[in-house]
Amino acid sequence: RIGMSQRAVSDLKKASESNHVMVPLTESVYVPGLVKEPNKLLVELGTGFYVEKSSKDALLFLDRKMKLVDANSDNVTKAVQATNQNLEAVKMTMQGKLIEIRARQEGARHRAAVEG
């Protein structure tokens, strides 16, 4: 989504005034529009807040946002890997405990058979 926004801003920078565009009203409904000031953009900051930025500033903002998303993605990936390692450690411990319990049970059966 951010990459598409970067391409759209770059394409708009090349546009001249009075360029015709399709403005989305919803994901599937568009209306024709006219670009009056191609260097004035409204950029969503998040949670419904928008700010007016130049094309250059909008691209810088989107670059920062992309880097933040990448960093968060890396952090999530590392957390998932750590969780998987912990899960494997728990599985190995449980298997060891089960083997230990079975060995005790076999020992008890063997003693009972010898004593009985």
N, C-alpha and C. Protein backbone atom coordinates (compact mmCIF):
# COMPACT_ATOMS: atom_id res chain seq x y z
N ARG A 1 0.83 -1.19 0.00
CA ARG A 1 0.00 0.00 0.00
C ARG A 1 0.87 1.25 0.00
N ILE A 2 1.93 1.25 0.79
CA ILE A 2 2.80 2.42 0.85
C ILE A 2 3.54 2.58 -0.48
N GLY A 3 3.98 1.44 -1.04
CA GLY A 3 4.67 1.49 -2.33
C GLY A 3 3.77 2.06 -3.42
N MET A 4 2.49 1.67 -3.40
CA MET A 4 1.55 2.22 -4.38
C MET A 4 1.39 3.72 -4.19
N SER A 5 1.37 4.16 -2.94
CA SER A 5 1.24 5.60 -2.66
C SER A 5 2.46 6.35 -3.17
N GLN A 6 3.65 5.76 -2.98
CA GLN A 6 4.87 6.41 -3.47
C GLN A 6 4.84 6.55 -4.99
N ARG A 7 4.40 5.48 -5.67
CA ARG A 7 4.32 5.55 -7.15
C ARG A 7 3.30 6.60 -7.59
N ALA A 8 2.18 6.65 -6.88
CA ALA A 8 1.13 7.62 -7.25
C ALA A 8 1.64 9.04 -7.08
N VAL A 9 2.35 9.32 -5.98
CA VAL A 9 2.89 10.67 -5.75
C VAL A 9 3.93 11.00 -6.83
N SER A 10 4.79 10.03 -7.14
CA SER A 10 5.79 10.26 -8.19
C SER A 10 5.14 10.56 -9.53
N ASP A 11 4.10 9.80 -9.85
CA ASP A 11 3.38 10.03 -11.11
C ASP A 11 2.70 11.39 -11.11
N LEU A 12 2.16 11.77 -9.98
CA LEU A 12 1.46 13.06 -9.88
C LEU A 12 2.44 14.22 -10.01
N LYS A 13 3.67 14.04 -9.52
CA LYS A 13 4.69 15.09 -9.64
C LYS A 13 4.94 15.43 -11.10
N LYS A 14 4.84 14.41 -11.96
CA LYS A 14 5.07 14.60 -13.39
C LYS A 14 3.88 15.24 -14.09
N ALA A 15 2.72 15.20 -13.43
CA ALA A 15 1.49 15.72 -14.04
C ALA A 15 1.50 17.25 -14.04
N SER A 16 0.80 17.80 -14.97
CA SER A 16 0.64 19.25 -15.01
C SER A 16 -0.74 19.60 -14.47
N GLU A 17 -0.94 20.89 -14.25
CA GLU A 17 -2.26 21.32 -13.80
C GLU A 17 -3.29 20.94 -14.86
N SER A 18 -4.52 20.80 -14.44
CA SER A 18 -5.64 20.44 -15.31
C SER A 18 -5.55 19.02 -15.83
N ASN A 19 -4.78 18.17 -15.17
CA ASN A 19 -4.74 16.75 -15.53
C ASN A 19 -6.01 16.08 -15.01
N HIS A 20 -6.58 15.23 -15.83
CA HIS A 20 -7.77 14.50 -15.43
C HIS A 20 -7.37 13.25 -14.66
N VAL A 21 -8.07 12.98 -13.56
CA VAL A 21 -7.83 11.79 -12.74
C VAL A 21 -9.17 11.20 -12.33
N MET A 22 -9.12 9.94 -11.87
CA MET A 22 -10.30 9.30 -11.31
C MET A 22 -10.13 9.31 -9.79
N VAL A 23 -11.08 9.89 -9.10
CA VAL A 23 -11.00 10.02 -7.64
C VAL A 23 -11.86 8.92 -7.01
N PRO A 24 -11.24 8.07 -6.16
CA PRO A 24 -12.03 7.00 -5.56
C PRO A 24 -12.95 7.52 -4.46
N LEU A 25 -14.22 7.13 -4.55
CA LEU A 25 -15.16 7.42 -3.46
C LEU A 25 -15.21 6.23 -2.50
N THR A 26 -15.13 5.03 -3.07
CA THR A 26 -15.02 3.78 -2.32
C THR A 26 -14.01 2.93 -3.09
N GLU A 27 -13.86 1.66 -2.68
CA GLU A 27 -12.91 0.80 -3.38
C GLU A 27 -13.35 0.50 -4.81
N SER A 28 -14.63 0.66 -5.10
CA SER A 28 -15.10 0.31 -6.44
C SER A 28 -15.88 1.43 -7.13
N VAL A 29 -15.96 2.60 -6.52
CA VAL A 29 -16.71 3.71 -7.12
C VAL A 29 -15.77 4.91 -7.27
N TYR A 30 -15.68 5.43 -8.51
CA TYR A 30 -14.80 6.55 -8.81
C TYR A 30 -15.58 7.67 -9.48
N VAL A 31 -15.08 8.89 -9.35
CA VAL A 31 -15.65 10.03 -10.07
C VAL A 31 -14.50 10.74 -10.78
N PRO A 32 -14.79 11.34 -11.93
CA PRO A 32 -13.72 12.07 -12.61
C PRO A 32 -13.36 13.34 -11.82
N GLY A 33 -12.07 13.67 -11.84
CA GLY A 33 -11.61 14.86 -11.14
C GLY A 33 -10.56 15.58 -11.96
N LEU A 34 -10.21 16.75 -11.49
CA LEU A 34 -9.24 17.58 -12.18
C LEU A 34 -8.19 18.01 -11.16
N VAL A 35 -6.90 17.80 -11.46
CA VAL A 35 -5.82 18.20 -10.56
C VAL A 35 -5.56 19.67 -10.75
N LYS A 36 -5.79 20.45 -9.69
CA LYS A 36 -5.56 21.89 -9.78
C LYS A 36 -4.15 22.25 -9.32
N GLU A 37 -3.72 21.63 -8.23
CA GLU A 37 -2.38 21.91 -7.69
C GLU A 37 -1.67 20.58 -7.44
N PRO A 38 -0.90 20.08 -8.42
CA PRO A 38 -0.30 18.76 -8.27
C PRO A 38 0.76 18.68 -7.17
N ASN A 39 1.20 19.81 -6.65
CA ASN A 39 2.22 19.79 -5.60
C ASN A 39 1.62 19.91 -4.20
N LYS A 40 0.30 19.98 -4.08
CA LYS A 40 -0.36 20.01 -2.77
C LYS A 40 -1.11 18.72 -2.57
N LEU A 41 -0.69 17.95 -1.57
CA LEU A 41 -1.29 16.65 -1.32
C LEU A 41 -1.79 16.58 0.12
N LEU A 42 -2.86 15.82 0.33
CA LEU A 42 -3.29 15.50 1.68
C LEU A 42 -2.78 14.11 1.99
N VAL A 43 -2.00 14.01 3.06
CA VAL A 43 -1.39 12.74 3.44
C VAL A 43 -2.00 12.29 4.76
N GLU A 44 -2.44 11.02 4.78
CA GLU A 44 -3.02 10.48 6.01
C GLU A 44 -1.90 10.13 6.98
N LEU A 45 -1.96 10.71 8.17
CA LEU A 45 -0.97 10.43 9.20
C LEU A 45 -1.33 9.16 9.97
N GLY A 46 -2.61 8.83 9.97
CA GLY A 46 -3.10 7.66 10.69
C GLY A 46 -4.32 8.05 11.50
N THR A 47 -5.14 7.07 11.78
CA THR A 47 -6.39 7.22 12.56
C THR A 47 -7.23 8.41 12.11
N GLY A 48 -7.28 8.62 10.79
CA GLY A 48 -8.16 9.65 10.25
C GLY A 48 -7.61 11.07 10.28
N PHE A 49 -6.33 11.25 10.58
CA PHE A 49 -5.72 12.58 10.59
C PHE A 49 -4.95 12.79 9.30
N TYR A 50 -5.17 13.95 8.67
CA TYR A 50 -4.53 14.27 7.40
C TYR A 50 -3.78 15.58 7.55
N VAL A 51 -2.71 15.72 6.74
CA VAL A 51 -1.95 16.96 6.73
C VAL A 51 -1.60 17.28 5.28
N GLU A 52 -1.54 18.56 4.97
CA GLU A 52 -1.19 18.97 3.61
C GLU A 52 0.33 18.97 3.50
N LYS A 53 0.84 18.35 2.44
CA LYS A 53 2.28 18.28 2.20
C LYS A 53 2.56 18.49 0.72
N SER A 54 3.79 18.93 0.45
CA SER A 54 4.23 18.99 -0.94
C SER A 54 4.55 17.58 -1.40
N SER A 55 4.70 17.39 -2.69
CA SER A 55 5.02 16.07 -3.22
C SER A 55 6.31 15.55 -2.61
N LYS A 56 7.31 16.42 -2.52
CA LYS A 56 8.61 16.03 -1.97
C LYS A 56 8.46 15.58 -0.51
N ASP A 57 7.75 16.38 0.29
CA ASP A 57 7.55 16.05 1.70
C ASP A 57 6.71 14.78 1.87
N ALA A 58 5.75 14.60 0.97
CA ALA A 58 4.91 13.39 1.03
C ALA A 58 5.77 12.15 0.76
N LEU A 59 6.67 12.23 -0.22
CA LEU A 59 7.55 11.11 -0.51
C LEU A 59 8.49 10.82 0.67
N LEU A 60 9.00 11.86 1.30
CA LEU A 60 9.87 11.68 2.48
C LEU A 60 9.09 11.01 3.61
N PHE A 61 7.85 11.46 3.82
CA PHE A 61 7.00 10.86 4.85
C PHE A 61 6.75 9.38 4.55
N LEU A 62 6.44 9.07 3.29
CA LEU A 62 6.18 7.68 2.91
C LEU A 62 7.43 6.82 3.04
N ASP A 63 8.60 7.39 2.74
CA ASP A 63 9.86 6.65 2.93
C ASP A 63 10.06 6.30 4.41
N ARG A 64 9.82 7.29 5.29
CA ARG A 64 9.96 7.03 6.74
C ARG A 64 8.97 5.97 7.20
N LYS A 65 7.76 6.06 6.68
CA LYS A 65 6.72 5.09 7.06
C LYS A 65 7.10 3.68 6.58
N MET A 66 7.66 3.59 5.38
CA MET A 66 8.08 2.30 4.84
C MET A 66 9.20 1.70 5.70
N LYS A 67 10.15 2.53 6.11
CA LYS A 67 11.24 2.06 6.97
C LYS A 67 10.70 1.58 8.31
N LEU A 68 9.72 2.28 8.85
CA LEU A 68 9.11 1.88 10.12
C LEU A 68 8.39 0.54 9.97
N VAL A 69 7.66 0.38 8.88
CA VAL A 69 6.95 -0.88 8.64
C VAL A 69 7.95 -2.03 8.49
N ASP A 70 9.04 -1.77 7.75
CA ASP A 70 10.07 -2.80 7.59
C ASP A 70 10.69 -3.18 8.92
N ALA A 71 10.99 -2.18 9.75
CA ALA A 71 11.59 -2.45 11.07
C ALA A 71 10.62 -3.24 11.94
N ASN A 72 9.35 -2.87 11.93
CA ASN A 72 8.35 -3.60 12.71
C ASN A 72 8.20 -5.02 12.20
N SER A 73 8.26 -5.19 10.89
CA SER A 73 8.17 -6.52 10.31
C SER A 73 9.35 -7.38 10.75
N ASP A 74 10.54 -6.80 10.77
CA ASP A 74 11.72 -7.53 11.24
C ASP A 74 11.56 -7.93 12.70
N ASN A 75 11.03 -7.01 13.51
CA ASN A 75 10.84 -7.31 14.94
C ASN A 75 9.83 -8.44 15.13
N VAL A 76 8.76 -8.42 14.36
CA VAL A 76 7.75 -9.48 14.46
C VAL A 76 8.35 -10.82 14.03
N THR A 77 9.13 -10.80 12.96
CA THR A 77 9.78 -12.02 12.48
C THR A 77 10.70 -12.59 13.55
N LYS A 78 11.48 -11.73 14.19
CA LYS A 78 12.38 -12.18 15.26
C LYS A 78 11.59 -12.75 16.44
N ALA A 79 10.48 -12.11 16.78
CA ALA A 79 9.64 -12.59 17.89
C ALA A 79 9.05 -13.96 17.56
N VAL A 80 8.63 -14.14 16.33
CA VAL A 80 8.07 -15.44 15.91
C VAL A 80 9.15 -16.51 15.97
N GLN A 81 10.35 -16.19 15.50
CA GLN A 81 11.45 -17.15 15.55
C GLN A 81 11.78 -17.52 17.00
N ALA A 82 11.82 -16.54 17.90
CA ALA A 82 12.11 -16.81 19.31
C ALA A 82 11.02 -17.68 19.91
N THR A 83 9.77 -17.41 19.56
CA THR A 83 8.65 -18.21 20.07
C THR A 83 8.75 -19.65 19.57
N ASN A 84 9.11 -19.82 18.30
CA ASN A 84 9.29 -21.17 17.76
C ASN A 84 10.41 -21.92 18.46
N GLN A 85 11.50 -21.21 18.77
CA GLN A 85 12.61 -21.84 19.50
C GLN A 85 12.15 -22.25 20.90
N ASN A 86 11.40 -21.39 21.56
CA ASN A 86 10.88 -21.73 22.89
C ASN A 86 9.95 -22.93 22.82
N LEU A 87 9.12 -22.98 21.80
CA LEU A 87 8.20 -24.10 21.62
C LEU A 87 8.98 -25.40 21.43
N GLU A 88 10.01 -25.36 20.62
CA GLU A 88 10.84 -26.55 20.41
C GLU A 88 11.51 -26.98 21.71
N ALA A 89 11.98 -26.03 22.50
CA ALA A 89 12.62 -26.36 23.78
C ALA A 89 11.61 -27.02 24.72
N VAL A 90 10.38 -26.52 24.74
CA VAL A 90 9.34 -27.11 25.59
C VAL A 90 9.02 -28.52 25.11
N LYS A 91 8.92 -28.71 23.79
CA LYS A 91 8.65 -30.04 23.25
C LYS A 91 9.74 -31.02 23.65
N MET A 92 11.00 -30.61 23.51
CA MET A 92 12.12 -31.49 23.87
C MET A 92 12.08 -31.84 25.35
N THR A 93 11.79 -30.85 26.20
CA THR A 93 11.71 -31.10 27.64
C THR A 93 10.59 -32.08 27.95
N MET A 94 9.44 -31.89 27.32
CA MET A 94 8.31 -32.79 27.57
C MET A 94 8.61 -34.20 27.09
N GLN A 95 9.27 -34.33 25.95
CA GLN A 95 9.64 -35.67 25.47
C GLN A 95 10.59 -36.34 26.44
N GLY A 96 11.55 -35.57 26.95
CA GLY A 96 12.48 -36.11 27.95
C GLY A 96 11.75 -36.58 29.20
N LYS A 97 10.80 -35.78 29.66
CA LYS A 97 10.02 -36.15 30.86
C LYS A 97 9.20 -37.41 30.60
N LEU A 98 8.59 -37.52 29.41
CA LEU A 98 7.81 -38.72 29.08
C LEU A 98 8.70 -39.96 29.06
N ILE A 99 9.88 -39.84 28.50
CA ILE A 99 10.81 -40.98 28.48
C ILE A 99 11.20 -41.37 29.90
N GLU A 100 11.43 -40.37 30.73
CA GLU A 100 11.77 -40.61 32.14
C GLU A 100 10.64 -41.33 32.88
N ILE A 101 9.41 -40.87 32.64
CA ILE A 101 8.24 -41.49 33.29
C ILE A 101 8.09 -42.93 32.82
N ARG A 102 8.22 -43.16 31.52
CA ARG A 102 8.11 -44.53 30.99
C ARG A 102 9.19 -45.44 31.58
N ALA A 103 10.40 -44.90 31.71
CA ALA A 103 11.50 -45.70 32.26
C ALA A 103 11.19 -46.07 33.72
N ARG A 104 10.65 -45.12 34.48
CA ARG A 104 10.28 -45.43 35.88
C ARG A 104 9.20 -46.50 35.93
N GLN A 105 8.21 -46.37 35.05
CA GLN A 105 7.12 -47.36 35.02
C GLN A 105 7.66 -48.74 34.66
N GLU A 106 8.54 -48.81 33.67
CA GLU A 106 9.14 -50.09 33.29
C GLU A 106 9.96 -50.66 34.44
N GLY A 107 10.70 -49.80 35.13
CA GLY A 107 11.49 -50.24 36.28
C GLY A 107 10.61 -50.79 37.37
N ALA A 108 9.50 -50.09 37.62
CA ALA A 108 8.56 -50.55 38.66
C ALA A 108 7.96 -51.89 38.26
N ARG A 109 7.58 -52.08 37.00
CA ARG A 109 7.04 -53.36 36.52
C ARG A 109 8.08 -54.47 36.65
N HIS A 110 9.30 -54.14 36.31
CA HIS A 110 10.36 -55.14 36.37
C HIS A 110 10.61 -55.55 37.82
N ARG A 111 10.65 -54.59 38.76
CA ARG A 111 10.82 -54.90 40.18
C ARG A 111 9.67 -55.74 40.70
N ALA A 112 8.48 -55.38 40.29
CA ALA A 112 7.30 -56.12 40.73
C ALA A 112 7.36 -57.55 40.21
N ALA A 113 7.82 -57.73 38.98
CA ALA A 113 7.90 -59.08 38.41
C ALA A 113 8.98 -59.90 39.11
N VAL A 114 10.08 -59.25 39.45
CA VAL A 114 11.19 -59.94 40.11
C VAL A 114 10.80 -60.30 41.55
N GLU A 115 10.13 -59.35 42.22
CA GLU A 115 9.74 -59.56 43.62
C GLU A 115 8.54 -60.50 43.71
N GLY A 116 7.71 -60.52 42.70
CA GLY A 116 6.46 -61.26 42.77
C GLY A 116 6.55 -62.65 42.34
